[in-house]
């Protein structure tokens, strides 16, 4: 079943309009037409809909029935240390597929990449497009938020939005995700902080601990930054029952 996000500017509860890019994709790539069905997400709700009309570059659909939400109950924010190369593309895509609500790229002291403002804006726009496509592909009812890159000094101000924050750290000797969940058996929101290739410095860890974060281990093996975040998100969603 093909999926689309309704364009807010020309949609209502009784009629869904697609933007120009999605309309073109529906008409000229997927070869859809009046009478064909698709899934449409409108205002965070998922619907089975039927194409009513195709005029020029616009496609209009009518809802047939409301479908169950695919969103996890646990709202996860991934604070991802800025990696080098195109690794962030992969992280954004897969984290969105898994169900994260928000991704905040963070420049740590040991981050290899240092983005200028212009480059940061361009990268953020790219990651938001990747998040939208990943959300569409995986059937998400909302497009995950992708924040602009922030410096580490701004990171503590983000923590109050999370009920608890876990920080996988290679120097944490014991106490992994299972121990964390036993301390927090029920959470509405969770933050996960992942360091860059160079890791999190002891000074940065001290700052986060003073702001209520909890250091955890992800086992005895050293995970790359692009692996650690996705592993942590998967494990926490599993332990909190979001993969049942």
Protein backbone atom coordinates (compact mmCIF):
# COMPACT_ATOMS: atom_id res chain seq x y z
CA UNK A 1 0.00 0.00 0.00
CA UNK A 2 1.44 3.36 -1.03
CA UNK A 3 1.68 6.02 1.71
CA UNK A 4 1.54 9.80 1.61
CA UNK A 5 1.47 12.74 4.01
CA UNK A 6 -1.42 15.09 3.34
CA UNK A 7 -0.39 18.65 2.52
CA UNK A 8 -1.65 20.83 5.42
CA UNK A 9 -2.44 23.82 3.22
CA UNK A 10 -4.96 22.05 1.01
CA UNK A 11 -6.36 19.29 3.22
CA UNK A 12 -9.33 18.92 5.55
CA UNK A 13 -10.82 16.03 7.56
CA UNK A 14 -13.04 15.17 4.58
CA UNK A 15 -10.56 15.69 1.71
CA UNK A 16 -6.80 15.12 1.56
CA UNK A 17 -4.62 16.96 -0.90
CA UNK A 18 -1.05 16.00 -1.79
CA UNK A 19 1.71 18.52 -2.43
CA UNK A 20 3.19 18.91 -5.89
CA UNK A 21 6.08 16.48 -5.35
CA UNK A 22 3.88 13.71 -3.93
CA UNK A 23 1.23 14.30 -6.59
CA UNK A 24 3.85 13.92 -9.32
CA UNK A 25 5.17 10.75 -7.68
CA UNK A 26 1.65 9.30 -7.38
CA UNK A 27 0.64 10.11 -10.96
CA UNK A 28 3.81 9.67 -12.99
CA UNK A 29 5.95 7.22 -10.97
CA UNK A 30 3.37 4.99 -9.27
CA UNK A 31 0.82 5.46 -12.07
CA UNK A 32 -2.08 5.87 -9.65
CA UNK A 33 -5.40 7.27 -10.72
CA UNK A 34 -9.01 7.80 -9.59
CA UNK A 35 -10.31 4.79 -7.68
CA UNK A 36 -6.87 3.65 -6.47
CA UNK A 37 -6.35 3.40 -2.72
CA UNK A 38 -3.48 4.61 -0.54
CA UNK A 39 -2.63 5.31 3.08
CA UNK A 40 -2.68 9.00 3.98
CA UNK A 41 -1.46 10.62 7.19
CA UNK A 42 -3.30 13.78 8.23
CA UNK A 43 -2.71 15.64 11.49
CA UNK A 44 -1.00 12.65 13.07
CA UNK A 45 -3.75 10.18 12.13
CA UNK A 46 -3.51 7.40 9.56
CA UNK A 47 -6.30 6.75 7.04
CA UNK A 48 -7.14 4.41 4.21
CA UNK A 49 -8.16 6.75 1.38
CA UNK A 50 -9.22 6.61 -2.26
CA UNK A 51 -8.07 8.92 -5.03
CA UNK A 52 -10.99 11.08 -6.16
CA UNK A 53 -9.43 13.41 -8.68
CA UNK A 54 -6.18 14.18 -10.46
CA UNK A 55 -6.05 17.68 -11.87
CA UNK A 56 -2.79 19.01 -13.26
CA UNK A 57 -0.18 18.49 -10.55
CA UNK A 58 -2.73 17.99 -7.77
CA UNK A 59 -4.15 14.77 -6.31
CA UNK A 60 -7.18 14.72 -4.00
CA UNK A 61 -8.21 11.74 -1.87
CA UNK A 62 -11.25 10.98 0.28
CA UNK A 63 -10.91 9.06 3.56
CA UNK A 64 -12.48 5.61 3.73
CA UNK A 65 -11.57 4.54 7.25
CA UNK A 66 -9.26 5.46 10.10
CA UNK A 67 -6.37 3.07 10.65
CA UNK A 68 -4.61 2.19 13.93
CA UNK A 69 -1.75 4.45 14.99
CA UNK A 70 1.77 3.18 14.44
CA UNK A 71 3.36 5.58 16.94
CA UNK A 72 5.06 4.22 20.08
CA UNK A 73 3.69 5.24 23.47
CA UNK A 74 7.23 6.05 24.61
CA UNK A 75 8.50 9.31 23.13
CA UNK A 76 12.26 8.95 22.51
CA UNK A 77 14.63 11.81 21.78
CA UNK A 78 18.00 10.80 20.37
CA UNK A 79 20.78 13.28 21.19
CA UNK A 80 23.32 12.15 18.61
CA UNK A 81 26.95 13.19 18.67
CA UNK A 82 27.75 14.65 15.26
CA UNK A 83 29.54 11.94 13.22
CA UNK A 84 31.80 12.37 10.22
CA UNK A 85 30.92 11.70 6.59
CA UNK A 86 27.37 10.71 5.73
CA UNK A 87 26.82 8.55 8.81
CA UNK A 88 24.16 10.93 10.10
CA UNK A 89 22.05 10.18 7.03
CA UNK A 90 21.91 6.52 8.05
CA UNK A 91 21.29 7.33 11.71
CA UNK A 92 18.37 9.64 10.89
CA UNK A 93 16.81 7.17 8.46
CA UNK A 94 17.00 4.13 10.73
CA UNK A 95 16.13 5.96 13.96
CA UNK A 96 13.00 7.32 12.27
CA UNK A 97 12.06 3.84 11.09
CA UNK A 98 12.46 2.54 14.64
CA UNK A 99 10.12 5.19 16.04
CA UNK A 100 12.09 8.06 17.60
CA UNK A 101 10.14 11.28 18.04
CA UNK A 102 13.05 13.71 17.80
CA UNK A 103 16.72 13.78 16.84
CA UNK A 104 19.08 16.46 18.12
CA UNK A 105 22.57 16.49 16.55
CA UNK A 106 25.17 17.59 19.12
CA UNK A 107 28.70 18.88 18.61
CA UNK A 108 30.81 17.42 21.43
CA UNK A 109 34.36 18.45 22.29
CA UNK A 110 35.67 15.28 20.62
CA UNK A 111 33.51 15.59 17.51
CA UNK A 112 35.71 15.33 14.44
CA UNK A 113 33.30 17.34 12.27
CA UNK A 114 32.78 21.05 12.96
CA UNK A 115 30.01 22.50 10.80
CA UNK A 116 29.78 26.16 9.85
CA UNK A 117 26.34 27.75 10.16
CA UNK A 118 25.68 27.52 6.41
CA UNK A 119 26.73 23.87 6.27
CA UNK A 120 24.69 23.09 9.37
CA UNK A 121 21.55 24.57 7.82
CA UNK A 122 22.07 22.63 4.59
CA UNK A 123 22.65 19.38 6.49
CA UNK A 124 19.58 19.93 8.67
CA UNK A 125 17.39 20.42 5.60
CA UNK A 126 18.78 17.20 4.12
CA UNK A 127 18.17 15.23 7.34
CA UNK A 128 14.60 16.50 7.52
CA UNK A 129 13.94 15.24 3.99
CA UNK A 130 15.43 11.87 4.93
CA UNK A 131 13.24 11.77 8.06
CA UNK A 132 10.12 12.50 6.01
CA UNK A 133 10.85 9.74 3.51
CA UNK A 134 11.77 7.28 6.27
CA UNK A 135 8.54 8.12 8.09
CA UNK A 136 6.53 7.60 4.93
CA UNK A 137 8.24 4.29 4.14
CA UNK A 138 7.80 2.92 7.66
CA UNK A 139 4.20 4.08 8.09
CA UNK A 140 4.86 6.69 10.76
CA UNK A 141 1.91 8.90 11.72
CA UNK A 142 4.20 11.84 12.44
CA UNK A 143 7.40 13.05 10.83
CA UNK A 144 10.12 12.98 13.51
CA UNK A 145 11.57 16.36 14.45
CA UNK A 146 15.16 17.02 13.35
CA UNK A 147 16.72 19.89 15.26
CA UNK A 148 19.61 22.03 14.00
CA UNK A 149 23.05 21.08 15.33
CA UNK A 150 23.65 22.38 18.85
CA UNK A 151 26.91 22.74 20.82
CA UNK A 152 27.37 20.60 23.90
CA UNK A 153 26.93 23.62 26.19
CA UNK A 154 23.31 23.86 24.98
CA UNK A 155 22.56 20.18 25.56
CA UNK A 156 21.58 20.34 29.28
CA UNK A 157 18.79 22.80 28.48
CA UNK A 158 17.14 20.02 26.41
CA UNK A 159 16.99 17.49 29.24
CA UNK A 160 13.92 18.84 31.10
CA UNK A 161 11.76 17.81 28.11
CA UNK A 162 12.61 14.16 28.89
CA UNK A 163 11.37 12.23 31.93
CA UNK A 164 14.73 10.42 32.13
CA UNK A 165 17.96 10.49 30.13
CA UNK A 166 20.27 7.53 29.53
CA UNK A 167 23.86 8.01 28.38
CA UNK A 168 25.63 4.92 27.01
CA UNK A 169 29.29 5.41 27.93
CA UNK A 170 32.18 3.03 27.33
CA UNK A 171 33.67 3.85 30.74
CA UNK A 172 30.52 2.82 32.59
CA UNK A 173 31.45 -0.54 34.08
CA UNK A 174 28.03 -1.97 34.87
CA UNK A 175 24.30 -1.32 34.66
CA UNK A 176 22.80 -1.53 31.20
CA UNK A 177 19.37 -0.84 29.67
CA UNK A 178 17.66 -3.56 31.70
CA UNK A 179 18.85 -2.05 34.98
CA UNK A 180 17.73 1.38 33.75
CA UNK A 181 14.24 0.07 32.93
CA UNK A 182 13.97 -1.56 36.35
CA UNK A 183 14.63 1.86 37.91
CA UNK A 184 12.15 3.49 35.53
CA UNK A 185 9.46 0.84 34.80
CA UNK A 186 7.14 3.35 33.16
CA UNK A 187 8.18 6.45 31.24
CA UNK A 188 6.27 8.83 28.96
CA UNK A 189 9.51 10.15 27.44
CA UNK A 190 13.15 9.11 27.29
CA UNK A 191 16.32 10.84 26.14
CA UNK A 192 19.31 8.87 24.83
CA UNK A 193 22.68 10.63 24.48
CA UNK A 194 25.22 9.13 22.09
CA UNK A 195 28.76 10.45 21.80
CA UNK A 196 30.67 11.03 18.52
CA UNK A 197 33.51 8.89 17.14
CA UNK A 198 35.89 10.34 19.74
CA UNK A 199 33.54 9.51 22.59
CA UNK A 200 32.25 11.57 25.49
CA UNK A 201 34.89 13.25 27.63
CA UNK A 202 34.85 12.76 31.42
CA UNK A 203 34.16 16.48 31.83
CA UNK A 204 31.11 16.28 29.57
CA UNK A 205 29.92 13.18 31.41
CA UNK A 206 30.23 15.02 34.73
CA UNK A 207 28.07 17.85 33.38
CA UNK A 208 25.37 15.43 32.25
CA UNK A 209 25.39 13.52 35.52
CA UNK A 210 24.95 16.78 37.42
CA UNK A 211 21.88 17.44 35.27
CA UNK A 212 20.27 14.13 36.22
CA UNK A 213 21.41 11.90 33.36
CA UNK A 214 22.27 8.26 34.07
CA UNK A 215 25.30 6.52 32.58
CA UNK A 216 24.70 3.00 31.27
CA UNK A 217 26.69 0.36 29.45
CA UNK A 218 25.74 -1.34 26.18
CA UNK A 219 27.96 -4.33 26.92
CA UNK A 220 31.61 -5.20 26.74
CA UNK A 221 31.98 -4.51 23.01
CA UNK A 222 32.81 -1.03 21.71
CA UNK A 223 30.10 0.13 19.30
CA UNK A 224 30.58 2.73 16.59
CA UNK A 225 28.56 5.90 17.05
CA UNK A 226 26.23 4.98 14.16
CA UNK A 227 25.63 1.58 15.81
CA UNK A 228 25.31 2.66 19.45
CA UNK A 229 22.30 4.94 19.04
CA UNK A 230 20.32 2.51 16.92
CA UNK A 231 21.16 -0.35 19.30
CA UNK A 232 20.08 1.69 22.33
CA UNK A 233 16.82 2.82 20.70
CA UNK A 234 16.00 -0.76 19.68
CA UNK A 235 16.78 -2.21 23.11
CA UNK A 236 14.76 0.39 25.00
CA UNK A 237 11.76 0.06 22.69
CA UNK A 238 11.93 -3.69 23.18
CA UNK A 239 12.21 -3.50 26.95
CA UNK A 240 9.35 -1.01 27.20
CA UNK A 241 7.10 -3.27 25.14
CA UNK A 242 7.02 -1.19 21.96
CA UNK A 243 7.98 -4.12 19.74
CA UNK A 244 5.30 -6.55 20.89
